[in-house]
Amino acid sequence: MMLKSYGLGALLLALPALPFMPPAPAPAPVPAVPVPVTTPAATSEGHTADQIGRFLTRFYGAHGPSDHDRRHHISQVLQDRQLRTAESDVLLCARNEPRDIGVGPVTVAQAAGVGWATVTTHWDSGKTDTFTVYVRLDSKPIRIDDVICAG
């Protein structure tokens, strides 16, 4: 038995017999849909920077937190740390009462669930010290979660 080779020419002759298929139309562009944008200060996911700032200013006052605030507005971790650190006030990072206290701007990180601010203590000697105070955004009631002393 002998096989006959037709080659490329026979294939090209057969192509016109195939039905014509126009190319598929391109899909229509999808119109842009506006997405509402929420700012961290306007979310319902916890305390805002403004709320934390007002809380810290009231909490620290001019000379430090009250006994009531120490019992009700700090985390259990800080309460335990204070029991182990009798020689220093863990909420003021100091041994004495400052002449004045200032609370800096509050930063809120929604993704981390925390807000923080730098607190500055002013002393009779003219010296100042700073430390950072952290507040969990979901704390009910609002309370200080941690304090990190500068040095």
N, C-alpha and C. Protein backbone atom coordinates (compact mmCIF):
# COMPACT_ATOMS: atom_id res chain seq x y z
N MET A 1 0.84 -1.16 0.00
CA MET A 1 0.00 0.00 0.00
C MET A 1 0.89 1.23 0.00
N MET A 2 0.48 2.13 -0.80
CA MET A 2 1.27 3.32 -0.98
C MET A 2 0.50 4.53 -0.48
N LEU A 3 1.16 5.34 0.37
CA LEU A 3 0.55 6.57 0.90
C LEU A 3 0.96 7.73 0.03
N LYS A 4 0.00 8.54 -0.26
CA LYS A 4 0.27 9.68 -1.11
C LYS A 4 0.35 10.94 -0.25
N SER A 5 1.33 11.75 -0.47
CA SER A 5 1.50 12.98 0.28
C SER A 5 0.94 14.12 -0.55
N TYR A 6 0.02 14.89 0.05
CA TYR A 6 -0.59 16.00 -0.68
C TYR A 6 0.13 17.32 -0.42
N GLY A 7 0.78 17.44 0.68
CA GLY A 7 1.55 18.65 0.96
C GLY A 7 0.68 19.83 1.36
N LEU A 8 1.32 20.96 1.48
CA LEU A 8 0.70 22.18 1.96
C LEU A 8 -0.30 22.76 0.97
N GLY A 9 -0.09 22.56 -0.31
CA GLY A 9 -0.98 23.10 -1.32
C GLY A 9 -2.39 22.57 -1.20
N ALA A 10 -2.56 21.29 -0.90
CA ALA A 10 -3.89 20.71 -0.76
C ALA A 10 -4.60 21.28 0.45
N LEU A 11 -3.85 21.53 1.50
CA LEU A 11 -4.46 22.09 2.71
C LEU A 11 -4.96 23.51 2.44
N LEU A 12 -4.20 24.30 1.74
CA LEU A 12 -4.61 25.67 1.44
C LEU A 12 -5.84 25.70 0.54
N LEU A 13 -5.97 24.74 -0.35
CA LEU A 13 -7.13 24.68 -1.22
C LEU A 13 -8.39 24.32 -0.43
N ALA A 14 -8.24 23.59 0.66
CA ALA A 14 -9.39 23.18 1.45
C ALA A 14 -9.88 24.28 2.39
N LEU A 15 -9.06 25.28 2.71
CA LEU A 15 -9.42 26.32 3.67
C LEU A 15 -10.65 27.13 3.25
N PRO A 16 -10.82 27.53 2.00
CA PRO A 16 -11.99 28.32 1.65
C PRO A 16 -13.30 27.59 1.90
N ALA A 17 -13.28 26.31 2.01
CA ALA A 17 -14.51 25.55 2.25
C ALA A 17 -14.99 25.67 3.70
N LEU A 18 -14.12 26.12 4.62
CA LEU A 18 -14.51 26.26 6.03
C LEU A 18 -15.40 27.49 6.19
N PRO A 19 -16.41 27.42 7.09
CA PRO A 19 -17.28 28.59 7.28
C PRO A 19 -16.49 29.75 7.90
N PHE A 20 -16.86 30.98 7.51
CA PHE A 20 -16.21 32.18 8.04
C PHE A 20 -16.74 32.49 9.44
N MET A 21 -15.83 32.71 10.40
CA MET A 21 -16.19 33.04 11.78
C MET A 21 -15.58 34.41 12.09
N PRO A 22 -16.43 35.42 12.22
CA PRO A 22 -15.86 36.74 12.55
C PRO A 22 -15.28 36.71 13.96
N PRO A 23 -14.31 37.57 14.24
CA PRO A 23 -13.72 37.60 15.58
C PRO A 23 -14.76 38.04 16.62
N ALA A 24 -14.63 37.51 17.83
CA ALA A 24 -15.55 37.86 18.91
C ALA A 24 -15.38 39.33 19.26
N PRO A 25 -16.50 40.01 19.51
CA PRO A 25 -16.38 41.43 19.87
C PRO A 25 -15.69 41.59 21.23
N ALA A 26 -14.97 42.68 21.36
CA ALA A 26 -14.29 42.97 22.63
C ALA A 26 -15.36 43.30 23.68
N PRO A 27 -15.13 42.87 24.92
CA PRO A 27 -16.12 43.18 25.96
C PRO A 27 -16.20 44.68 26.20
N ALA A 28 -17.39 45.14 26.53
CA ALA A 28 -17.60 46.56 26.80
C ALA A 28 -16.88 46.92 28.10
N PRO A 29 -16.30 48.11 28.17
CA PRO A 29 -15.62 48.51 29.42
C PRO A 29 -16.64 48.62 30.56
N VAL A 30 -16.20 48.20 31.73
CA VAL A 30 -17.04 48.27 32.92
C VAL A 30 -16.89 49.66 33.51
N PRO A 31 -18.01 50.36 33.74
CA PRO A 31 -17.89 51.70 34.30
C PRO A 31 -17.36 51.64 35.74
N ALA A 32 -16.58 52.65 36.10
CA ALA A 32 -16.03 52.73 37.46
C ALA A 32 -17.16 53.01 38.44
N VAL A 33 -17.10 52.31 39.56
CA VAL A 33 -18.10 52.50 40.61
C VAL A 33 -17.41 53.21 41.76
N PRO A 34 -17.94 54.33 42.22
CA PRO A 34 -17.30 55.02 43.33
C PRO A 34 -17.35 54.17 44.60
N VAL A 35 -16.22 54.12 45.31
CA VAL A 35 -16.12 53.37 46.55
C VAL A 35 -16.04 54.37 47.69
N PRO A 36 -16.92 54.24 48.69
CA PRO A 36 -16.84 55.20 49.80
C PRO A 36 -15.53 55.01 50.57
N VAL A 37 -14.92 56.11 50.93
CA VAL A 37 -13.67 56.10 51.67
C VAL A 37 -13.95 56.57 53.08
N THR A 38 -13.47 55.81 54.06
CA THR A 38 -13.62 56.24 55.44
C THR A 38 -12.25 56.58 55.99
N THR A 39 -12.19 57.61 56.76
CA THR A 39 -10.94 58.00 57.39
C THR A 39 -10.87 57.34 58.75
N PRO A 40 -9.66 57.10 59.28
CA PRO A 40 -9.55 56.44 60.58
C PRO A 40 -10.34 57.13 61.68
N ALA A 41 -10.45 58.45 61.61
CA ALA A 41 -11.16 59.16 62.67
C ALA A 41 -12.67 58.96 62.58
N ALA A 42 -13.17 58.42 61.47
CA ALA A 42 -14.61 58.31 61.30
C ALA A 42 -15.12 56.87 61.34
N THR A 43 -14.25 55.92 61.67
CA THR A 43 -14.68 54.53 61.67
C THR A 43 -15.36 54.17 62.98
N SER A 44 -16.10 53.09 62.93
CA SER A 44 -16.77 52.63 64.15
C SER A 44 -15.99 51.47 64.76
N GLU A 45 -14.72 51.35 64.42
CA GLU A 45 -13.91 50.25 64.89
C GLU A 45 -13.21 50.55 66.21
N GLY A 46 -13.54 51.59 66.89
CA GLY A 46 -12.90 51.88 68.17
C GLY A 46 -12.75 53.37 68.39
N HIS A 47 -11.93 53.68 69.38
CA HIS A 47 -11.72 55.07 69.77
C HIS A 47 -11.00 55.84 68.67
N THR A 48 -11.34 57.09 68.52
CA THR A 48 -10.67 57.96 67.55
C THR A 48 -9.47 58.65 68.20
N ALA A 49 -8.64 59.26 67.38
CA ALA A 49 -7.49 60.00 67.90
C ALA A 49 -7.94 61.11 68.83
N ASP A 50 -9.03 61.80 68.47
CA ASP A 50 -9.55 62.87 69.32
C ASP A 50 -10.01 62.33 70.67
N GLN A 51 -10.72 61.22 70.67
CA GLN A 51 -11.19 60.64 71.93
C GLN A 51 -10.02 60.20 72.81
N ILE A 52 -9.02 59.59 72.20
CA ILE A 52 -7.85 59.16 72.97
C ILE A 52 -7.11 60.37 73.53
N GLY A 53 -6.95 61.41 72.73
CA GLY A 53 -6.27 62.62 73.20
C GLY A 53 -6.98 63.25 74.39
N ARG A 54 -8.31 63.35 74.29
CA ARG A 54 -9.07 63.92 75.42
C ARG A 54 -8.96 63.03 76.66
N PHE A 55 -9.03 61.71 76.45
CA PHE A 55 -8.90 60.78 77.58
C PHE A 55 -7.54 60.93 78.26
N LEU A 56 -6.45 60.94 77.48
CA LEU A 56 -5.11 61.04 78.07
C LEU A 56 -4.90 62.37 78.78
N THR A 57 -5.42 63.45 78.22
CA THR A 57 -5.29 64.76 78.86
C THR A 57 -6.01 64.77 80.20
N ARG A 58 -7.21 64.19 80.26
CA ARG A 58 -7.94 64.11 81.52
C ARG A 58 -7.26 63.13 82.48
N PHE A 59 -6.84 61.98 81.97
CA PHE A 59 -6.22 60.94 82.79
C PHE A 59 -4.97 61.47 83.50
N TYR A 60 -4.08 62.12 82.75
CA TYR A 60 -2.83 62.59 83.34
C TYR A 60 -2.98 63.92 84.07
N GLY A 61 -3.93 64.75 83.67
CA GLY A 61 -4.11 66.04 84.34
C GLY A 61 -2.81 66.82 84.34
N ALA A 62 -2.60 67.59 85.41
CA ALA A 62 -1.37 68.40 85.51
C ALA A 62 -0.26 67.68 86.26
N HIS A 63 -0.64 66.72 87.14
CA HIS A 63 0.37 66.12 88.03
C HIS A 63 0.36 64.59 88.04
N GLY A 64 -0.53 63.95 87.29
CA GLY A 64 -0.56 62.49 87.26
C GLY A 64 -1.96 61.95 87.50
N PRO A 65 -2.17 60.67 87.23
CA PRO A 65 -3.50 60.07 87.34
C PRO A 65 -3.97 59.94 88.78
N SER A 66 -5.29 60.00 88.94
CA SER A 66 -5.90 59.83 90.26
C SER A 66 -5.90 58.35 90.64
N ASP A 67 -6.17 58.06 91.91
CA ASP A 67 -6.27 56.67 92.37
C ASP A 67 -7.40 55.95 91.63
N HIS A 68 -8.52 56.64 91.40
CA HIS A 68 -9.64 56.05 90.66
C HIS A 68 -9.21 55.64 89.24
N ASP A 69 -8.51 56.54 88.54
CA ASP A 69 -8.04 56.24 87.19
C ASP A 69 -7.03 55.09 87.20
N ARG A 70 -6.20 55.04 88.20
CA ARG A 70 -5.23 53.95 88.31
C ARG A 70 -5.92 52.60 88.49
N ARG A 71 -7.06 52.58 89.15
CA ARG A 71 -7.80 51.32 89.37
C ARG A 71 -8.65 50.93 88.17
N HIS A 72 -9.22 51.91 87.48
CA HIS A 72 -10.24 51.61 86.48
C HIS A 72 -9.86 51.89 85.02
N HIS A 73 -8.76 52.58 84.79
CA HIS A 73 -8.45 52.98 83.42
C HIS A 73 -7.05 52.58 82.94
N ILE A 74 -6.51 51.50 83.53
CA ILE A 74 -5.26 50.94 83.02
C ILE A 74 -5.43 49.43 82.91
N SER A 75 -4.66 48.82 82.03
CA SER A 75 -4.75 47.38 81.80
C SER A 75 -4.26 46.60 83.02
N GLN A 76 -4.65 45.34 83.06
CA GLN A 76 -4.18 44.46 84.14
C GLN A 76 -2.67 44.30 84.08
N VAL A 77 -2.11 44.30 82.89
CA VAL A 77 -0.65 44.20 82.72
C VAL A 77 0.05 45.34 83.44
N LEU A 78 -0.47 46.57 83.27
CA LEU A 78 0.14 47.72 83.95
C LEU A 78 -0.07 47.66 85.46
N GLN A 79 -1.24 47.21 85.89
CA GLN A 79 -1.48 47.06 87.33
C GLN A 79 -0.49 46.08 87.93
N ASP A 80 -0.27 44.96 87.26
CA ASP A 80 0.69 43.96 87.73
C ASP A 80 2.12 44.51 87.72
N ARG A 81 2.47 45.23 86.65
CA ARG A 81 3.81 45.81 86.56
C ARG A 81 4.05 46.79 87.71
N GLN A 82 3.02 47.58 88.06
CA GLN A 82 3.18 48.54 89.16
C GLN A 82 3.42 47.81 90.48
N LEU A 83 2.75 46.68 90.69
CA LEU A 83 2.96 45.90 91.92
C LEU A 83 4.40 45.39 92.00
N ARG A 84 5.01 45.05 90.89
CA ARG A 84 6.39 44.54 90.87
C ARG A 84 7.43 45.66 90.88
N THR A 85 6.99 46.90 90.61
CA THR A 85 7.92 48.03 90.50
C THR A 85 7.55 49.10 91.52
N ALA A 86 7.81 48.82 92.77
CA ALA A 86 7.42 49.72 93.85
C ALA A 86 8.26 51.01 93.88
N GLU A 87 9.49 50.97 93.34
CA GLU A 87 10.37 52.13 93.42
C GLU A 87 10.06 53.22 92.39
N SER A 88 9.15 52.95 91.44
CA SER A 88 8.86 53.92 90.39
C SER A 88 7.39 53.83 89.99
N ASP A 89 6.84 54.94 89.52
CA ASP A 89 5.46 54.98 89.03
C ASP A 89 5.49 54.60 87.55
N VAL A 90 4.94 53.45 87.19
CA VAL A 90 5.00 52.98 85.80
C VAL A 90 4.16 53.83 84.86
N LEU A 91 3.20 54.58 85.37
CA LEU A 91 2.37 55.44 84.53
C LEU A 91 3.02 56.78 84.24
N LEU A 92 4.02 57.16 85.05
CA LEU A 92 4.72 58.43 84.86
C LEU A 92 6.19 58.24 84.53
N CYS A 93 6.66 56.99 84.58
CA CYS A 93 8.08 56.70 84.35
C CYS A 93 8.96 57.55 85.26
N ALA A 94 8.55 57.68 86.50
CA ALA A 94 9.28 58.54 87.44
C ALA A 94 9.02 58.09 88.88
N ARG A 95 9.77 58.71 89.81
CA ARG A 95 9.59 58.42 91.23
C ARG A 95 8.76 59.48 91.93
N ASN A 96 8.70 60.68 91.34
CA ASN A 96 8.02 61.80 91.99
C ASN A 96 6.88 62.32 91.12
N GLU A 97 6.16 63.29 91.69
CA GLU A 97 5.06 63.94 90.96
C GLU A 97 5.63 65.09 90.13
N PRO A 98 5.32 65.14 88.85
CA PRO A 98 5.85 66.23 88.01
C PRO A 98 5.14 67.55 88.28
N ARG A 99 5.81 68.64 87.89
CA ARG A 99 5.22 69.98 88.01
C ARG A 99 4.08 70.15 87.01
N ASP A 100 4.24 69.57 85.81
CA ASP A 100 3.22 69.68 84.77
C ASP A 100 3.37 68.50 83.81
N ILE A 101 2.28 68.20 83.09
CA ILE A 101 2.28 67.11 82.12
C ILE A 101 1.62 67.59 80.84
N GLY A 102 2.20 67.26 79.70
CA GLY A 102 1.62 67.58 78.40
C GLY A 102 1.46 66.33 77.56
N VAL A 103 0.35 66.25 76.84
CA VAL A 103 0.08 65.11 75.96
C VAL A 103 0.22 65.59 74.52
N GLY A 104 1.05 64.89 73.76
CA GLY A 104 1.28 65.24 72.36
C GLY A 104 0.17 64.71 71.46
N PRO A 105 0.32 64.91 70.16
CA PRO A 105 -0.69 64.43 69.20
C PRO A 105 -0.82 62.91 69.26
N VAL A 106 -2.01 62.43 69.00
CA VAL A 106 -2.29 60.99 69.03
C VAL A 106 -2.23 60.43 67.61
N THR A 107 -1.60 59.29 67.50
CA THR A 107 -1.56 58.54 66.24
C THR A 107 -2.42 57.30 66.42
N VAL A 108 -3.25 57.00 65.41
CA VAL A 108 -4.11 55.81 65.47
C VAL A 108 -3.76 54.89 64.31
N ALA A 109 -3.54 53.63 64.62
CA ALA A 109 -3.29 52.60 63.60
C ALA A 109 -4.45 51.62 63.66
N GLN A 110 -5.46 51.83 62.82
CA GLN A 110 -6.65 50.98 62.83
C GLN A 110 -6.29 49.52 62.62
N ALA A 111 -5.39 49.23 61.69
CA ALA A 111 -5.04 47.84 61.39
C ALA A 111 -4.41 47.15 62.60
N ALA A 112 -3.68 47.91 63.40
CA ALA A 112 -3.05 47.33 64.59
C ALA A 112 -3.97 47.39 65.81
N GLY A 113 -5.05 48.16 65.72
CA GLY A 113 -5.99 48.27 66.83
C GLY A 113 -5.47 49.05 68.01
N VAL A 114 -4.59 50.01 67.74
CA VAL A 114 -3.97 50.75 68.84
C VAL A 114 -3.77 52.21 68.45
N GLY A 115 -3.79 53.06 69.48
CA GLY A 115 -3.45 54.47 69.33
C GLY A 115 -2.38 54.81 70.36
N TRP A 116 -1.58 55.82 70.07
CA TRP A 116 -0.53 56.19 71.01
C TRP A 116 -0.22 57.67 70.93
N ALA A 117 0.40 58.14 72.01
CA ALA A 117 0.82 59.53 72.09
C ALA A 117 2.07 59.62 72.96
N THR A 118 2.85 60.65 72.72
CA THR A 118 4.00 60.94 73.58
C THR A 118 3.52 61.86 74.69
N VAL A 119 3.89 61.51 75.91
CA VAL A 119 3.55 62.33 77.07
C VAL A 119 4.85 62.94 77.59
N THR A 120 4.82 64.23 77.89
CA THR A 120 5.99 64.93 78.40
C THR A 120 5.74 65.39 79.83
N THR A 121 6.66 65.04 80.71
CA THR A 121 6.56 65.50 82.10
C THR A 121 7.58 66.63 82.31
N HIS A 122 7.14 67.65 83.00
CA HIS A 122 7.97 68.82 83.30
C HIS A 122 8.25 68.81 84.80
N TRP A 123 9.53 69.04 85.17
CA TRP A 123 9.95 68.94 86.57
C TRP A 123 10.39 70.29 87.10
N ASP A 124 10.38 70.43 88.43
CA ASP A 124 10.77 71.68 89.07
C ASP A 124 12.19 72.10 88.70
N SER A 125 13.06 71.14 88.39
CA SER A 125 14.44 71.45 88.03
C SER A 125 14.56 72.06 86.62
N GLY A 126 13.44 72.10 85.88
CA GLY A 126 13.46 72.58 84.51
C GLY A 126 13.65 71.47 83.49
N LYS A 127 13.93 70.28 83.98
CA LYS A 127 14.14 69.12 83.12
C LYS A 127 12.79 68.59 82.61
N THR A 128 12.81 67.96 81.43
CA THR A 128 11.61 67.29 80.91
C THR A 128 11.95 65.84 80.57
N ASP A 129 10.96 64.99 80.66
CA ASP A 129 11.09 63.59 80.27
C ASP A 129 9.91 63.25 79.37
N THR A 130 10.09 62.24 78.52
CA THR A 130 8.99 61.79 77.66
C THR A 130 8.83 60.28 77.77
N PHE A 131 7.61 59.83 77.50
CA PHE A 131 7.31 58.41 77.40
C PHE A 131 6.12 58.26 76.47
N THR A 132 5.92 57.04 76.00
CA THR A 132 4.84 56.78 75.05
C THR A 132 3.75 55.96 75.72
N VAL A 133 2.51 56.39 75.53
CA VAL A 133 1.35 55.72 76.12
C VAL A 133 0.54 55.10 75.00
N TYR A 134 0.13 53.83 75.19
CA TYR A 134 -0.64 53.10 74.19
C TYR A 134 -2.05 52.80 74.71
N VAL A 135 -3.02 52.96 73.83
CA VAL A 135 -4.43 52.69 74.16
C VAL A 135 -4.99 51.74 73.11
N ARG A 136 -5.59 50.65 73.56
CA ARG A 136 -6.26 49.75 72.60
C ARG A 136 -7.53 50.44 72.11
N LEU A 137 -7.76 50.38 70.82
CA LEU A 137 -8.92 51.07 70.25
C LEU A 137 -10.24 50.44 70.67
N ASP A 138 -10.23 49.17 71.03
CA ASP A 138 -11.47 48.48 71.39
C ASP A 138 -11.69 48.37 72.90
N SER A 139 -10.87 49.04 73.70
CA SER A 139 -11.03 48.92 75.16
C SER A 139 -12.33 49.57 75.62
N LYS A 140 -13.03 48.87 76.48
CA LYS A 140 -14.30 49.34 77.05
C LYS A 140 -14.25 49.14 78.56
N PRO A 141 -14.21 50.17 79.36
CA PRO A 141 -14.07 51.58 79.00
C PRO A 141 -12.65 51.84 78.46
N ILE A 142 -12.47 53.00 77.89
CA ILE A 142 -11.16 53.35 77.37
C ILE A 142 -10.15 53.30 78.50
N ARG A 143 -8.99 52.68 78.20
CA ARG A 143 -7.95 52.57 79.23
C ARG A 143 -6.58 52.47 78.58
N ILE A 144 -5.58 52.75 79.39
CA ILE A 144 -4.19 52.67 78.93
C ILE A 144 -3.77 51.21 78.94
N ASP A 145 -3.25 50.76 77.82
CA ASP A 145 -2.83 49.37 77.68
C ASP A 145 -1.36 49.18 78.05
N ASP A 146 -0.53 50.17 77.72
CA ASP A 146 0.90 50.03 78.02
C ASP A 146 1.55 51.41 78.05
N VAL A 147 2.67 51.48 78.76
CA VAL A 147 3.49 52.70 78.83
C VAL A 147 4.93 52.27 78.60
N ILE A 148 5.60 52.92 77.65
CA ILE A 148 7.01 52.64 77.38
C ILE A 148 7.82 53.88 77.73
N CYS A 149 8.69 53.73 78.72
CA CYS A 149 9.52 54.83 79.17
C CYS A 149 10.66 55.06 78.18
N ALA A 150 11.06 56.32 78.02
CA ALA A 150 12.09 56.66 77.02
C ALA A 150 13.47 56.22 77.43
N GLY A 151 13.76 56.16 78.68
CA GLY A 151 15.14 55.81 79.01
C GLY A 151 15.29 55.63 80.43
